[in-house]
Amino acid sequence: MTDDAFTYTVKLKRGDDTQKCKVTATDIETLTERVDAVREKMGEWAGDYREIQPDDETRLADDQSELDEVGA
């Protein structure tokens, strides 16, 4: 267990996947610096995740509820 007085959780959600990073610090200034660093790094990761998504040409409608709604 940590003696840090401040805790903050940063989440990156993409589809069904969620990545979490818990940031702790003994003072608010250190926490702010650490949270900023984590957000920057997770922003880079988000860019990487977007690059591995399927092409736009095969996208389905956001409100699609049945497979037969896909255009052939």
C-alpha atoms as a PDB file:
ATOM      1  CA  MET A   1       0.000   0.000   0.000  1.00  0.00           C
ATOM      2  CA  THR A   2       1.212   3.478  -0.766  1.00  0.00           C
ATOM      3  CA  ASP A   3       1.462   6.461   1.566  1.00  0.00           C
ATOM      4  CA  ASP A   4       0.627   8.880  -1.255  1.00  0.00           C
ATOM      5  CA  ALA A   5      -2.143  11.288  -0.333  1.00  0.00           C
ATOM      6  CA  PHE A   6      -3.427  11.839  -3.878  1.00  0.00           C
ATOM      7  CA  THR A   7      -4.623   9.250  -6.397  1.00  0.00           C
ATOM      8  CA  TYR A   8      -5.923   9.769  -9.938  1.00  0.00           C
ATOM      9  CA  THR A   9      -6.888   7.199 -12.564  1.00  0.00           C
ATOM     10  CA  VAL A  10      -6.453   7.974 -16.261  1.00  0.00           C
ATOM     11  CA  LYS A  11      -8.479   5.803 -18.665  1.00  0.00           C
ATOM     12  CA  LEU A  12      -8.176   5.248 -22.396  1.00  0.00           C
ATOM     13  CA  LYS A  13     -11.225   3.527 -23.899  1.00  0.00           C
ATOM     14  CA  ARG A  14     -11.392   2.278 -27.480  1.00  0.00           C
ATOM     15  CA  GLY A  15     -14.356   0.069 -28.316  1.00  0.00           C
ATOM     16  CA  ASP A  16     -14.568  -2.650 -25.688  1.00  0.00           C
ATOM     17  CA  ASP A  17     -10.947  -2.201 -24.591  1.00  0.00           C
ATOM     18  CA  THR A  18     -10.089   0.027 -21.647  1.00  0.00           C
ATOM     19  CA  GLN A  19      -6.597   0.777 -20.453  1.00  0.00           C
ATOM     20  CA  LYS A  20      -6.173   2.350 -17.039  1.00  0.00           C
ATOM     21  CA  CYS A  21      -3.237   4.004 -15.373  1.00  0.00           C
ATOM     22  CA  LYS A  22      -3.334   4.856 -11.685  1.00  0.00           C
ATOM     23  CA  VAL A  23      -1.236   7.881 -10.730  1.00  0.00           C
ATOM     24  CA  THR A  24      -0.307   8.641  -7.137  1.00  0.00           C
ATOM     25  CA  ALA A  25       1.716  11.356  -5.420  1.00  0.00           C
ATOM     26  CA  THR A  26       2.363  12.849  -2.016  1.00  0.00           C
ATOM     27  CA  ASP A  27       1.485  16.382  -3.162  1.00  0.00           C
ATOM     28  CA  ILE A  28      -0.782  17.971  -5.755  1.00  0.00           C
ATOM     29  CA  GLU A  29       2.049  19.495  -7.815  1.00  0.00           C
ATOM     30  CA  THR A  30       3.700  16.107  -8.294  1.00  0.00           C
ATOM     31  CA  LEU A  31       0.340  14.521  -9.077  1.00  0.00           C
ATOM     32  CA  THR A  32      -0.349  17.166 -11.733  1.00  0.00           C
ATOM     33  CA  GLU A  33       3.041  16.547 -13.374  1.00  0.00           C
ATOM     34  CA  ARG A  34       2.542  12.792 -13.358  1.00  0.00           C
ATOM     35  CA  VAL A  35      -1.029  12.971 -14.693  1.00  0.00           C
ATOM     36  CA  ASP A  36       0.099  15.281 -17.509  1.00  0.00           C
ATOM     37  CA  ALA A  37       2.882  12.834 -18.426  1.00  0.00           C
ATOM     38  CA  VAL A  38       0.486   9.865 -18.409  1.00  0.00           C
ATOM     39  CA  ARG A  39      -2.090  11.717 -20.519  1.00  0.00           C
ATOM     40  CA  GLU A  40       0.580  12.602 -23.067  1.00  0.00           C
ATOM     41  CA  LYS A  41       1.775   9.001 -23.291  1.00  0.00           C
ATOM     42  CA  MET A  42      -1.756   7.595 -23.496  1.00  0.00           C
ATOM     43  CA  GLY A  43      -2.488  10.142 -26.234  1.00  0.00           C
ATOM     44  CA  GLU A  44       0.385   8.647 -28.216  1.00  0.00           C
ATOM     45  CA  TRP A  45      -1.010   5.180 -27.609  1.00  0.00           C
ATOM     46  CA  ALA A  46      -4.457   6.324 -28.769  1.00  0.00           C
ATOM     47  CA  GLY A  47      -2.909   7.434 -32.050  1.00  0.00           C
ATOM     48  CA  ASP A  48      -1.292   4.018 -32.417  1.00  0.00           C
ATOM     49  CA  TYR A  49      -4.628   2.293 -31.765  1.00  0.00           C
ATOM     50  CA  ARG A  50      -6.411   4.389 -34.386  1.00  0.00           C
ATOM     51  CA  GLU A  51      -3.845   3.331 -36.981  1.00  0.00           C
ATOM     52  CA  ILE A  52      -4.724  -0.366 -36.595  1.00  0.00           C
ATOM     53  CA  GLN A  53      -8.455   0.105 -37.165  1.00  0.00           C
ATOM     54  CA  PRO A  54     -10.121  -1.289 -40.322  1.00  0.00           C
ATOM     55  CA  ASP A  55     -10.463   0.847 -43.423  1.00  0.00           C
ATOM     56  CA  ASP A  56     -13.385   3.276 -43.613  1.00  0.00           C
ATOM     57  CA  GLU A  57     -14.830   1.473 -46.645  1.00  0.00           C
ATOM     58  CA  THR A  58     -16.104  -1.420 -44.505  1.00  0.00           C
ATOM     59  CA  ARG A  59     -17.686   0.676 -41.739  1.00  0.00           C
ATOM     60  CA  LEU A  60     -21.142  -0.185 -40.491  1.00  0.00           C
ATOM     61  CA  ALA A  61     -23.807   2.303 -39.548  1.00  0.00           C
ATOM     62  CA  ASP A  62     -23.659   3.293 -35.873  1.00  0.00           C
ATOM     63  CA  ASP A  63     -27.321   2.370 -35.461  1.00  0.00           C
ATOM     64  CA  GLN A  64     -27.063  -0.983 -37.231  1.00  0.00           C
ATOM     65  CA  SER A  65     -28.985  -3.640 -35.341  1.00  0.00           C
ATOM     66  CA  GLU A  66     -29.082  -6.479 -37.879  1.00  0.00           C
ATOM     67  CA  LEU A  67     -26.602  -7.903 -40.344  1.00  0.00           C
ATOM     68  CA  ASP A  68     -28.997  -7.475 -43.286  1.00  0.00           C
ATOM     69  CA  GLU A  69     -28.737  -3.696 -42.941  1.00  0.00           C
ATOM     70  CA  VAL A  70     -25.227  -3.775 -44.453  1.00  0.00           C
ATOM     71  CA  GLY A  71     -25.144  -2.672 -48.095  1.00  0.00           C
ATOM     72  CA  ALA A  72     -23.729  -5.232 -50.525  1.00  0.00           C
END
